[in-house]
Amino acid sequence: MIRATIVICGILLGLLVAAVLIASNHSHVLAGLQHVIADPWGVVTLLDLGVGLLFIAVWMALVEPSPWRAAAWIIALFLLGNAVTLVYLLSRTCRARHLRDLILQPRSSDWR
């Protein structure tokens, strides 16, 4: 199951990076943001993204043992979005022995 998580996160990260590169070749991010904000559903989508990022930030703060490292991850999360979530999951997956180590703060004896 851990290997499947690595593969899935890697594929999703690749898709997300490819989508960002394609979109950035099409138009500047601020121009796209103006179109999104002009539509009420675009605002809802941004609100949904913000709530999700906030949830992930709280989770990172709870499971990351170092407050400084947690702060760095959270700042990167709010600057770069869910690509950081996938990188964080990949880093936790590579260190995890059990699937529960991805979600919960592991006991020191369980962590490599």
PDB file of N, CA and C in Angstrom:
ATOM      1  N   MET A   1       0.817  -1.197   0.000  1.00  0.00           N
ATOM      2  CA  MET A   1       0.000   0.000   0.000  1.00  0.00           C
ATOM      3  C   MET A   1       0.863   1.265   0.000  1.00  0.00           C
ATOM      4  N   ILE A   2       1.996   1.212   0.677  1.00  0.00           N
ATOM      5  CA  ILE A   2       2.894   2.363   0.714  1.00  0.00           C
ATOM      6  C   ILE A   2       3.436   2.642  -0.692  1.00  0.00           C
ATOM      7  N   ARG A   3       3.819   1.596  -1.405  1.00  0.00           N
ATOM      8  CA  ARG A   3       4.338   1.765  -2.770  1.00  0.00           C
ATOM      9  C   ARG A   3       3.271   2.363  -3.685  1.00  0.00           C
ATOM     10  N   ALA A   4       2.026   1.928  -3.527  1.00  0.00           N
ATOM     11  CA  ALA A   4       0.926   2.472  -4.335  1.00  0.00           C
ATOM     12  C   ALA A   4       0.741   3.958  -4.052  1.00  0.00           C
ATOM     13  N   THR A   5       0.893   4.352  -2.798  1.00  0.00           N
ATOM     14  CA  THR A   5       0.773   5.765  -2.433  1.00  0.00           C
ATOM     15  C   THR A   5       1.861   6.589  -3.115  1.00  0.00           C
ATOM     16  N   ILE A   6       3.073   6.061  -3.153  1.00  0.00           N
ATOM     17  CA  ILE A   6       4.175   6.760  -3.819  1.00  0.00           C
ATOM     18  C   ILE A   6       3.880   6.921  -5.306  1.00  0.00           C
ATOM     19  N   VAL A   7       3.419   5.859  -5.938  1.00  0.00           N
ATOM     20  CA  VAL A   7       3.120   5.910  -7.373  1.00  0.00           C
ATOM     21  C   VAL A   7       1.991   6.899  -7.655  1.00  0.00           C
ATOM     22  N   ILE A   8       0.928   6.834  -6.871  1.00  0.00           N
ATOM     23  CA  ILE A   8      -0.222   7.727  -7.079  1.00  0.00           C
ATOM     24  C   ILE A   8       0.180   9.184  -6.874  1.00  0.00           C
ATOM     25  N   CYS A   9       0.894   9.475  -5.795  1.00  0.00           N
ATOM     26  CA  CYS A   9       1.334  10.859  -5.541  1.00  0.00           C
ATOM     27  C   CYS A   9       2.270  11.343  -6.641  1.00  0.00           C
ATOM     28  N   GLY A  10       3.150  10.480  -7.101  1.00  0.00           N
ATOM     29  CA  GLY A  10       4.064  10.853  -8.176  1.00  0.00           C
ATOM     30  C   GLY A  10       3.333  11.171  -9.471  1.00  0.00           C
ATOM     31  N   ILE A  11       2.354  10.346  -9.825  1.00  0.00           N
ATOM     32  CA  ILE A  11       1.565  10.586 -11.036  1.00  0.00           C
ATOM     33  C   ILE A  11       0.775  11.885 -10.915  1.00  0.00           C
ATOM     34  N   LEU A  12       0.120  12.083  -9.776  1.00  0.00           N
ATOM     35  CA  LEU A  12      -0.662  13.307  -9.583  1.00  0.00           C
ATOM     36  C   LEU A  12       0.219  14.550  -9.601  1.00  0.00           C
ATOM     37  N   LEU A  13       1.397  14.453  -9.010  1.00  0.00           N
ATOM     38  CA  LEU A  13       2.326  15.583  -9.027  1.00  0.00           C
ATOM     39  C   LEU A  13       2.759  15.895 -10.457  1.00  0.00           C
ATOM     40  N   GLY A  14       3.051  14.860 -11.229  1.00  0.00           N
ATOM     41  CA  GLY A  14       3.415  15.060 -12.626  1.00  0.00           C
ATOM     42  C   GLY A  14       2.294  15.708 -13.422  1.00  0.00           C
ATOM     43  N   LEU A  15       1.059  15.250 -13.205  1.00  0.00           N
ATOM     44  CA  LEU A  15      -0.091  15.842 -13.891  1.00  0.00           C
ATOM     45  C   LEU A  15      -0.280  17.303 -13.506  1.00  0.00           C
ATOM     46  N   LEU A  16      -0.137  17.598 -12.223  1.00  0.00           N
ATOM     47  CA  LEU A  16      -0.314  18.969 -11.751  1.00  0.00           C
ATOM     48  C   LEU A  16       0.758  19.897 -12.318  1.00  0.00           C
ATOM     49  N   VAL A  17       1.993  19.448 -12.311  1.00  0.00           N
ATOM     50  CA  VAL A  17       3.083  20.265 -12.865  1.00  0.00           C
ATOM     51  C   VAL A  17       2.876  20.474 -14.365  1.00  0.00           C
ATOM     52  N   ALA A  18       2.470  19.425 -15.080  1.00  0.00           N
ATOM     53  CA  ALA A  18       2.210  19.558 -16.519  1.00  0.00           C
ATOM     54  C   ALA A  18       1.080  20.552 -16.778  1.00  0.00           C
ATOM     55  N   ALA A  19       0.013  20.483 -15.991  1.00  0.00           N
ATOM     56  CA  ALA A  19      -1.113  21.408 -16.162  1.00  0.00           C
ATOM     57  C   ALA A  19      -0.686  22.850 -15.899  1.00  0.00           C
ATOM     58  N   VAL A  20       0.141  23.059 -14.884  1.00  0.00           N
ATOM     59  CA  VAL A  20       0.630  24.411 -14.584  1.00  0.00           C
ATOM     60  C   VAL A  20       1.493  24.930 -15.732  1.00  0.00           C
ATOM     61  N   LEU A  21       2.350  24.089 -16.271  1.00  0.00           N
ATOM     62  CA  LEU A  21       3.204  24.515 -17.382  1.00  0.00           C
ATOM     63  C   LEU A  21       2.382  24.847 -18.626  1.00  0.00           C
ATOM     64  N   ILE A  22       1.392  24.030 -18.933  1.00  0.00           N
ATOM     65  CA  ILE A  22       0.529  24.292 -20.088  1.00  0.00           C
ATOM     66  C   ILE A  22      -0.245  25.591 -19.889  1.00  0.00           C
ATOM     67  N   ALA A  23      -0.819  25.769 -18.701  1.00  0.00           N
ATOM     68  CA  ALA A  23      -1.592  26.987 -18.427  1.00  0.00           C
ATOM     69  C   ALA A  23      -0.706  28.227 -18.458  1.00  0.00           C
ATOM     70  N   SER A  24       0.515  28.116 -17.949  1.00  0.00           N
ATOM     71  CA  SER A  24       1.398  29.286 -17.935  1.00  0.00           C
ATOM     72  C   SER A  24       1.854  29.662 -19.339  1.00  0.00           C
ATOM     73  N   ASN A  25       1.897  28.712 -20.257  1.00  0.00           N
ATOM     74  CA  ASN A  25       2.201  29.033 -21.656  1.00  0.00           C
ATOM     75  C   ASN A  25       1.012  29.700 -22.346  1.00  0.00           C
ATOM     76  N   HIS A  26      -0.178  29.464 -21.824  1.00  0.00           N
ATOM     77  CA  HIS A  26      -1.393  30.034 -22.409  1.00  0.00           C
ATOM     78  C   HIS A  26      -1.597  31.489 -21.976  1.00  0.00           C
ATOM     79  N   SER A  27      -1.482  31.750 -20.678  1.00  0.00           N
ATOM     80  CA  SER A  27      -1.652  33.116 -20.169  1.00  0.00           C
ATOM     81  C   SER A  27      -0.992  33.238 -18.797  1.00  0.00           C
ATOM     82  N   HIS A  28      -0.807  34.474 -18.361  1.00  0.00           N
ATOM     83  CA  HIS A  28      -0.221  34.754 -17.052  1.00  0.00           C
ATOM     84  C   HIS A  28      -1.232  34.382 -15.964  1.00  0.00           C
ATOM     85  N   VAL A  29      -0.742  33.962 -14.826  1.00  0.00           N
ATOM     86  CA  VAL A  29      -1.614  33.504 -13.746  1.00  0.00           C
ATOM     87  C   VAL A  29      -2.580  34.597 -13.293  1.00  0.00           C
ATOM     88  N   LEU A  30      -2.147  35.840 -13.250  1.00  0.00           N
ATOM     89  CA  LEU A  30      -3.037  36.914 -12.801  1.00  0.00           C
ATOM     90  C   LEU A  30      -4.157  37.179 -13.799  1.00  0.00           C
ATOM     91  N   ALA A  31      -3.870  37.011 -15.094  1.00  0.00           N
ATOM     92  CA  ALA A  31      -4.925  37.167 -16.105  1.00  0.00           C
ATOM     93  C   ALA A  31      -5.974  36.072 -15.939  1.00  0.00           C
ATOM     94  N   GLY A  32      -5.523  34.860 -15.686  1.00  0.00           N
ATOM     95  CA  GLY A  32      -6.453  33.759 -15.453  1.00  0.00           C
ATOM     96  C   GLY A  32      -7.259  33.964 -14.187  1.00  0.00           C
ATOM     97  N   LEU A  33      -6.616  34.511 -13.167  1.00  0.00           N
ATOM     98  CA  LEU A  33      -7.303  34.756 -11.899  1.00  0.00           C
ATOM     99  C   LEU A  33      -8.418  35.781 -12.056  1.00  0.00           C
ATOM    100  N   GLN A  34      -8.217  36.777 -12.911  1.00  0.00           N
ATOM    101  CA  GLN A  34      -9.273  37.768 -13.163  1.00  0.00           C
ATOM    102  C   GLN A  34     -10.515  37.103 -13.748  1.00  0.00           C
ATOM    103  N   HIS A  35     -10.319  36.145 -14.643  1.00  0.00           N
ATOM    104  CA  HIS A  35     -11.456  35.426 -15.231  1.00  0.00           C
ATOM    105  C   HIS A  35     -12.154  34.556 -14.186  1.00  0.00           C
ATOM    106  N   VAL A  36     -11.369  33.922 -13.347  1.00  0.00           N
ATOM    107  CA  VAL A  36     -11.943  33.046 -12.319  1.00  0.00           C
ATOM    108  C   VAL A  36     -12.758  33.863 -11.324  1.00  0.00           C
ATOM    109  N   ILE A  37     -12.241  34.987 -10.883  1.00  0.00           N
ATOM    110  CA  ILE A  37     -12.927  35.818  -9.891  1.00  0.00           C
ATOM    111  C   ILE A  37     -14.199  36.438 -10.467  1.00  0.00           C
ATOM    112  N   ALA A  38     -14.239  36.639 -11.775  1.00  0.00           N
ATOM    113  CA  ALA A  38     -15.420  37.243 -12.406  1.00  0.00           C
ATOM    114  C   ALA A  38     -16.632  36.313 -12.371  1.00  0.00           C
ATOM    115  N   ASP A  39     -16.411  35.031 -12.217  1.00  0.00           N
ATOM    116  CA  ASP A  39     -17.502  34.050 -12.202  1.00  0.00           C
ATOM    117  C   ASP A  39     -17.772  33.617 -10.758  1.00  0.00           C
ATOM    118  N   PRO A  40     -19.042  33.617 -10.308  1.00  0.00           N
ATOM    119  CA  PRO A  40     -19.338  33.181  -8.938  1.00  0.00           C
ATOM    120  C   PRO A  40     -18.837  31.764  -8.640  1.00  0.00           C
ATOM    121  N   TRP A  41     -18.902  30.872  -9.627  1.00  0.00           N
ATOM    122  CA  TRP A  41     -18.392  29.526  -9.400  1.00  0.00           C
ATOM    123  C   TRP A  41     -16.874  29.519  -9.280  1.00  0.00           C
ATOM    124  N   GLY A  42     -16.230  30.457  -9.917  1.00  0.00           N
ATOM    125  CA  GLY A  42     -14.791  30.593  -9.754  1.00  0.00           C
ATOM    126  C   GLY A  42     -14.431  30.995  -8.337  1.00  0.00           C
ATOM    127  N   VAL A  43     -15.233  31.894  -7.761  1.00  0.00           N
ATOM    128  CA  VAL A  43     -15.016  32.315  -6.372  1.00  0.00           C
ATOM    129  C   VAL A  43     -15.234  31.129  -5.431  1.00  0.00           C
ATOM    130  N   VAL A  44     -16.274  30.340  -5.701  1.00  0.00           N
ATOM    131  CA  VAL A  44     -16.540  29.152  -4.877  1.00  0.00           C
ATOM    132  C   VAL A  44     -15.372  28.171  -4.983  1.00  0.00           C
ATOM    133  N   THR A  45     -14.844  28.003  -6.179  1.00  0.00           N
ATOM    134  CA  THR A  45     -13.709  27.103  -6.375  1.00  0.00           C
ATOM    135  C   THR A  45     -12.486  27.589  -5.599  1.00  0.00           C
ATOM    136  N   LEU A  46     -12.227  28.888  -5.629  1.00  0.00           N
ATOM    137  CA  LEU A  46     -11.101  29.439  -4.865  1.00  0.00           C
ATOM    138  C   LEU A  46     -11.317  29.297  -3.362  1.00  0.00           C
ATOM    139  N   LEU A  47     -12.555  29.487  -2.917  1.00  0.00           N
ATOM    140  CA  LEU A  47     -12.876  29.298  -1.501  1.00  0.00           C
ATOM    141  C   LEU A  47     -12.657  27.840  -1.098  1.00  0.00           C
ATOM    142  N   ASP A  48     -13.092  26.924  -1.955  1.00  0.00           N
ATOM    143  CA  ASP A  48     -12.891  25.499  -1.704  1.00  0.00           C
ATOM    144  C   ASP A  48     -11.399  25.175  -1.616  1.00  0.00           C
ATOM    145  N   LEU A  49     -10.614  25.732  -2.520  1.00  0.00           N
ATOM    146  CA  LEU A  49      -9.168  25.536  -2.492  1.00  0.00           C
ATOM    147  C   LEU A  49      -8.575  26.078  -1.194  1.00  0.00           C
ATOM    148  N   GLY A  50      -9.002  27.274  -0.795  1.00  0.00           N
ATOM    149  CA  GLY A  50      -8.488  27.881   0.434  1.00  0.00           C
ATOM    150  C   GLY A  50      -8.805  27.064   1.671  1.00  0.00           C
ATOM    151  N   VAL A  51     -10.029  26.555   1.746  1.00  0.00           N
ATOM    152  CA  VAL A  51     -10.419  25.717   2.888  1.00  0.00           C
ATOM    153  C   VAL A  51      -9.587  24.433   2.901  1.00  0.00           C
ATOM    154  N   GLY A  52      -9.403  23.833   1.734  1.00  0.00           N
ATOM    155  CA  GLY A  52      -8.594  22.617   1.649  1.00  0.00           C
ATOM    156  C   GLY A  52      -7.150  22.856   2.046  1.00  0.00           C
ATOM    157  N   LEU A  53      -6.576  23.953   1.569  1.00  0.00           N
ATOM    158  CA  LEU A  53      -5.193  24.271   1.933  1.00  0.00           C
ATOM    159  C   LEU A  53      -5.061  24.548   3.428  1.00  0.00           C
ATOM    160  N   LEU A  54      -6.049  25.216   4.001  1.00  0.00           N
ATOM    161  CA  LEU A  54      -6.029  25.475   5.440  1.00  0.00           C
ATOM    162  C   LEU A  54      -6.098  24.167   6.230  1.00  0.00           C
ATOM    163  N   PHE A  55      -6.939  23.243   5.778  1.00  0.00           N
ATOM    164  CA  PHE A  55      -7.041  21.934   6.428  1.00  0.00           C
ATOM    165  C   PHE A  55      -5.701  21.201   6.365  1.00  0.00           C
ATOM    166  N   ILE A  56      -5.072  21.191   5.197  1.00  0.00           N
ATOM    167  CA  ILE A  56      -3.774  20.531   5.046  1.00  0.00           C
ATOM    168  C   ILE A  56      -2.718  21.221   5.912  1.00  0.00           C
ATOM    169  N   ALA A  57      -2.771  22.552   5.999  1.00  0.00           N
ATOM    170  CA  ALA A  57      -1.813  23.294   6.827  1.00  0.00           C
ATOM    171  C   ALA A  57      -1.949  22.908   8.298  1.00  0.00           C
ATOM    172  N   VAL A  58      -3.179  22.783   8.779  1.00  0.00           N
ATOM    173  CA  VAL A  58      -3.399  22.377  10.174  1.00  0.00           C
ATOM    174  C   VAL A  58      -2.876  20.961  10.388  1.00  0.00           C
ATOM    175  N   TRP A  59      -3.165  20.072   9.439  1.00  0.00           N
ATOM    176  CA  TRP A  59      -2.674  18.691   9.537  1.00  0.00           C
ATOM    177  C   TRP A  59      -1.147  18.663   9.571  1.00  0.00           C
ATOM    178  N   MET A  60      -0.504  19.441   8.691  1.00  0.00           N
ATOM    179  CA  MET A  60       0.963  19.496   8.684  1.00  0.00           C
ATOM    180  C   MET A  60       1.495  19.984  10.030  1.00  0.00           C
ATOM    181  N   ALA A  61       0.859  21.005  10.587  1.00  0.00           N
ATOM    182  CA  ALA A  61       1.297  21.543  11.878  1.00  0.00           C
ATOM    183  C   ALA A  61       1.154  20.505  12.988  1.00  0.00           C
ATOM    184  N   LEU A  62       0.143  19.653  12.885  1.00  0.00           N
ATOM    185  CA  LEU A  62      -0.080  18.647  13.922  1.00  0.00           C
ATOM    186  C   LEU A  62       0.870  17.460  13.815  1.00  0.00           C
ATOM    187  N   VAL A  63       1.216  17.047  12.598  1.00  0.00           N
ATOM    188  CA  VAL A  63       2.016  15.826  12.454  1.00  0.00           C
ATOM    189  C   VAL A  63       3.509  16.086  12.296  1.00  0.00           C
ATOM    190  N   GLU A  64       3.883  17.289  11.934  1.00  0.00           N
ATOM    191  CA  GLU A  64       5.305  17.581  11.728  1.00  0.00           C
ATOM    192  C   GLU A  64       5.964  17.824  13.083  1.00  0.00           C
ATOM    193  N   PRO A  65       7.006  17.058  13.423  1.00  0.00           N
ATOM    194  CA  PRO A  65       7.614  17.198  14.751  1.00  0.00           C
ATOM    195  C   PRO A  65       8.338  18.529  14.973  1.00  0.00           C
ATOM    196  N   SER A  66       8.891  19.117  13.930  1.00  0.00           N
ATOM    197  CA  SER A  66       9.628  20.373  14.072  1.00  0.00           C
ATOM    198  C   SER A  66       8.735  21.554  13.689  1.00  0.00           C
ATOM    199  N   PRO A  67       8.522  22.504  14.613  1.00  0.00           N
ATOM    200  CA  PRO A  67       7.694  23.669  14.278  1.00  0.00           C
ATOM    201  C   PRO A  67       8.259  24.496  13.123  1.00  0.00           C
ATOM    202  N   TRP A  68       9.577  24.595  13.028  1.00  0.00           N
ATOM    203  CA  TRP A  68      10.189  25.372  11.946  1.00  0.00           C
ATOM    204  C   TRP A  68       9.979  24.696  10.599  1.00  0.00           C
ATOM    205  N   ARG A  69      10.120  23.383  10.601  1.00  0.00           N
ATOM    206  CA  ARG A  69       9.895  22.646   9.357  1.00  0.00           C
ATOM    207  C   ARG A  69       8.431  22.704   8.955  1.00  0.00           C
ATOM    208  N   ALA A  70       7.546  22.616   9.951  1.00  0.00           N
ATOM    209  CA  ALA A  70       6.108  22.738   9.670  1.00  0.00           C
ATOM    210  C   ALA A  70       5.802  24.109   9.080  1.00  0.00           C
ATOM    211  N   ALA A  71       6.400  25.153   9.647  1.00  0.00           N
ATOM    212  CA  ALA A  71       6.171  26.512   9.130  1.00  0.00           C
ATOM    213  C   ALA A  71       6.658  26.639   7.691  1.00  0.00           C
ATOM    214  N   ALA A  72       7.803  26.051   7.387  1.00  0.00           N
ATOM    215  CA  ALA A  72       8.330  26.107   6.019  1.00  0.00           C
ATOM    216  C   ALA A  72       7.398  25.387   5.040  1.00  0.00           C
ATOM    217  N   TRP A  73       6.905  24.217   5.436  1.00  0.00           N
ATOM    218  CA  TRP A  73       5.968  23.476   4.587  1.00  0.00           C
ATOM    219  C   TRP A  73       4.684  24.275   4.373  1.00  0.00           C
ATOM    220  N   ILE A  74       4.186  24.889   5.419  1.00  0.00           N
ATOM    221  CA  ILE A  74       2.918  25.631   5.334  1.00  0.00           C
ATOM    222  C   ILE A  74       3.073  26.876   4.459  1.00  0.00           C
ATOM    223  N   ILE A  75       4.181  27.580   4.599  1.00  0.00           N
ATOM    224  CA  ILE A  75       4.419  28.743   3.735  1.00  0.00           C
ATOM    225  C   ILE A  75       4.486  28.299   2.274  1.00  0.00           C
ATOM    226  N   ALA A  76       5.228  27.225   2.021  1.00  0.00           N
ATOM    227  CA  ALA A  76       5.313  26.702   0.650  1.00  0.00           C
ATOM    228  C   ALA A  76       3.941  26.272   0.142  1.00  0.00           C
ATOM    229  N   LEU A  77       3.140  25.681   1.016  1.00  0.00           N
ATOM    230  CA  LEU A  77       1.795  25.240   0.639  1.00  0.00           C
ATOM    231  C   LEU A  77       0.943  26.403   0.161  1.00  0.00           C
ATOM    232  N   PHE A  78       0.949  27.505   0.908  1.00  0.00           N
ATOM    233  CA  PHE A  78       0.119  28.644   0.526  1.00  0.00           C
ATOM    234  C   PHE A  78       0.683  29.400  -0.677  1.00  0.00           C
ATOM    235  N   LEU A  79       1.970  29.258  -0.954  1.00  0.00           N
ATOM    236  CA  LEU A  79       2.550  29.901  -2.136  1.00  0.00           C
ATOM    237  C   LEU A  79       2.401  29.055  -3.398  1.00  0.00           C
ATOM    238  N   LEU A  80       2.514  27.738  -3.253  1.00  0.00           N
ATOM    239  CA  LEU A  80       2.569  26.859  -4.425  1.00  0.00           C
ATOM    240  C   LEU A  80       1.385  25.908  -4.556  1.00  0.00           C
ATOM    241  N   GLY A  81       0.540  25.835  -3.545  1.00  0.00           N
ATOM    242  CA  GLY A  81      -0.673  25.028  -3.657  1.00  0.00           C
ATOM    243  C   GLY A  81      -0.464  23.543  -3.397  1.00  0.00           C
ATOM    244  N   ASN A  82      -1.349  22.757  -3.992  1.00  0.00           N
ATOM    245  CA  ASN A  82      -1.395  21.330  -3.697  1.00  0.00           C
ATOM    246  C   ASN A  82      -0.222  20.532  -4.242  1.00  0.00           C
ATOM    247  N   ALA A  83       0.612  21.123  -5.081  1.00  0.00           N
ATOM    248  CA  ALA A  83       1.845  20.437  -5.467  1.00  0.00           C
ATOM    249  C   ALA A  83       2.686  20.182  -4.214  1.00  0.00           C
ATOM    250  N   VAL A  84       2.663  21.125  -3.285  1.00  0.00           N
ATOM    251  CA  VAL A  84       3.393  20.963  -2.020  1.00  0.00           C
ATOM    252  C   VAL A  84       2.762  19.848  -1.189  1.00  0.00           C
ATOM    253  N   THR A  85       1.435  19.747  -1.210  1.00  0.00           N
ATOM    254  CA  THR A  85       0.766  18.649  -0.503  1.00  0.00           C
ATOM    255  C   THR A  85       1.277  17.311  -1.013  1.00  0.00           C
ATOM    256  N   LEU A  86       1.378  17.166  -2.324  1.00  0.00           N
ATOM    257  CA  LEU A  86       1.846  15.908  -2.906  1.00  0.00           C
ATOM    258  C   LEU A  86       3.309  15.638  -2.570  1.00  0.00           C
ATOM    259  N   VAL A  87       4.148  16.664  -2.609  1.00  0.00           N
ATOM    260  CA  VAL A  87       5.560  16.487  -2.241  1.00  0.00           C
ATOM    261  C   VAL A  87       5.670  16.100  -0.770  1.00  0.00           C
ATOM    262  N   TYR A  88       4.868  16.732   0.081  1.00  0.00           N
ATOM    263  CA  TYR A  88       4.875  16.409   1.508  1.00  0.00           C
ATOM    264  C   TYR A  88       4.446  14.954   1.734  1.00  0.00           C
ATOM    265  N   LEU A  89       3.385  14.537   1.046  1.00  0.00           N
ATOM    266  CA  LEU A  89       2.945  13.145   1.164  1.00  0.00           C
ATOM    267  C   LEU A  89       4.019  12.182   0.669  1.00  0.00           C
ATOM    268  N   LEU A  90       4.680  12.530  -0.428  1.00  0.00           N
ATOM    269  CA  LEU A  90       5.767  11.683  -0.921  1.00  0.00           C
ATOM    270  C   LEU A  90       6.894  11.580   0.101  1.00  0.00           C
ATOM    271  N   SER A  91       7.257  12.692   0.727  1.00  0.00           N
ATOM    272  CA  SER A  91       8.340  12.654   1.713  1.00  0.00           C
ATOM    273  C   SER A  91       7.946  11.831   2.938  1.00  0.00           C
ATOM    274  N   ARG A  92       6.685  11.952   3.361  1.00  0.00           N
ATOM    275  CA  ARG A  92       6.224  11.154   4.506  1.00  0.00           C
ATOM    276  C   ARG A  92       6.127   9.681   4.128  1.00  0.00           C
ATOM    277  N   THR A  93       5.692   9.406   2.906  1.00  0.00           N
ATOM    278  CA  THR A  93       5.541   8.023   2.463  1.00  0.00           C
ATOM    279  C   THR A  93       6.889   7.318   2.418  1.00  0.00           C
ATOM    280  N   CYS A  94       7.914   8.016   1.966  1.00  0.00           N
ATOM    281  CA  CYS A  94       9.239   7.408   1.880  1.00  0.00           C
ATOM    282  C   CYS A  94       9.813   7.072   3.255  1.00  0.00           C
ATOM    283  N   ARG A  95       9.348   7.753   4.295  1.00  0.00           N
ATOM    284  CA  ARG A  95       9.837   7.496   5.651  1.00  0.00           C
ATOM    285  C   ARG A  95       8.912   6.595   6.456  1.00  0.00           C
ATOM    286  N   ALA A  96       7.727   6.315   5.933  1.00  0.00           N
ATOM    287  CA  ALA A  96       6.717   5.587   6.706  1.00  0.00           C
ATOM    288  C   ALA A  96       6.931   4.080   6.620  1.00  0.00           C
ATOM    289  N   ARG A  97       6.654   3.421   7.706  1.00  0.00           N
ATOM    290  CA  ARG A  97       6.649   1.964   7.721  1.00  0.00           C
ATOM    291  C   ARG A  97       5.240   1.428   7.544  1.00  0.00           C
ATOM    292  N   HIS A  98       4.267   2.170   8.047  1.00  0.00           N
ATOM    293  CA  HIS A  98       2.864   1.760   7.995  1.00  0.00           C
ATOM    294  C   HIS A  98       2.042   2.896   7.402  1.00  0.00           C
ATOM    295  N   LEU A  99       0.898   2.547   6.862  1.00  0.00           N
ATOM    296  CA  LEU A  99       0.021   3.534   6.246  1.00  0.00           C
ATOM    297  C   LEU A  99      -0.429   4.591   7.258  1.00  0.00           C
ATOM    298  N   ARG A 100      -0.614   4.195   8.514  1.00  0.00           N
ATOM    299  CA  ARG A 100      -1.056   5.158   9.528  1.00  0.00           C
ATOM    300  C   ARG A 100      -0.016   6.249   9.785  1.00  0.00           C
ATOM    301  N   ASP A 101       1.253   5.962   9.461  1.00  0.00           N
ATOM    302  CA  ASP A 101       2.309   6.966   9.631  1.00  0.00           C
ATOM    303  C   ASP A 101       2.141   8.147   8.682  1.00  0.00           C
ATOM    304  N   LEU A 102       1.386   7.958   7.598  1.00  0.00           N
ATOM    305  CA  LEU A 102       1.154   9.060   6.664  1.00  0.00           C
ATOM    306  C   LEU A 102       0.205  10.090   7.242  1.00  0.00           C
ATOM    307  N   ILE A 103      -0.729   9.640   8.051  1.00  0.00           N
ATOM    308  CA  ILE A 103      -1.807  10.505   8.526  1.00  0.00           C
ATOM    309  C   ILE A 103      -1.578  10.976   9.949  1.00  0.00           C
ATOM    310  N   LEU A 104      -1.068  10.103  10.789  1.00  0.00           N
ATOM    311  CA  LEU A 104      -0.890  10.419  12.201  1.00  0.00           C
ATOM    312  C   LEU A 104       0.568  10.726  12.497  1.00  0.00           C
ATOM    313  N   GLN A 105       0.786  11.440  13.581  1.00  0.00           N
ATOM    314  CA  GLN A 105       2.155  11.683  14.020  1.00  0.00           C
ATOM    315  C   GLN A 105       2.690  10.374  14.579  1.00  0.00           C
ATOM    316  N   PRO A 106       3.736   9.834  13.977  1.00  0.00           N
ATOM    317  CA  PRO A 106       4.236   8.536  14.429  1.00  0.00           C
ATOM    318  C   PRO A 106       4.952   8.642  15.770  1.00  0.00           C
ATOM    319  N   ARG A 107       4.945   7.532  16.476  1.00  0.00           N
ATOM    320  CA  ARG A 107       5.746   7.459  17.694  1.00  0.00           C
ATOM    321  C   ARG A 107       7.202   7.389  17.278  1.00  0.00           C
ATOM    322  N   SER A 108       8.082   7.896  18.097  1.00  0.00           N
ATOM    323  CA  SER A 108       9.501   7.963  17.724  1.00  0.00           C
ATOM    324  C   SER A 108      10.077   6.578  17.449  1.00  0.00           C
ATOM    325  N   SER A 109       9.569   5.541  18.103  1.00  0.00           N
ATOM    326  CA  SER A 109      10.087   4.197  17.885  1.00  0.00           C
ATOM    327  C   SER A 109       9.633   3.623  16.545  1.00  0.00           C
ATOM    328  N   ASP A 110       8.557   4.182  15.949  1.00  0.00           N
ATOM    329  CA  ASP A 110       8.043   3.675  14.681  1.00  0.00           C
ATOM    330  C   ASP A 110       8.694   4.335  13.475  1.00  0.00           C
ATOM    331  N   TRP A 111       9.326   5.470  13.666  1.00  0.00           N
ATOM    332  CA  TRP A 111       9.829   6.277  12.545  1.00  0.00           C
ATOM    333  C   TRP A 111      11.258   5.880  12.220  1.00  0.00           C
ATOM    334  N   ARG A 112      11.608   5.833  10.949  1.00  0.00           N
ATOM    335  CA  ARG A 112      12.976   5.481  10.551  1.00  0.00           C
ATOM    336  C   ARG A 112      13.908   6.640  10.749  1.00  0.00           C
TER     337      ARG A 112
END
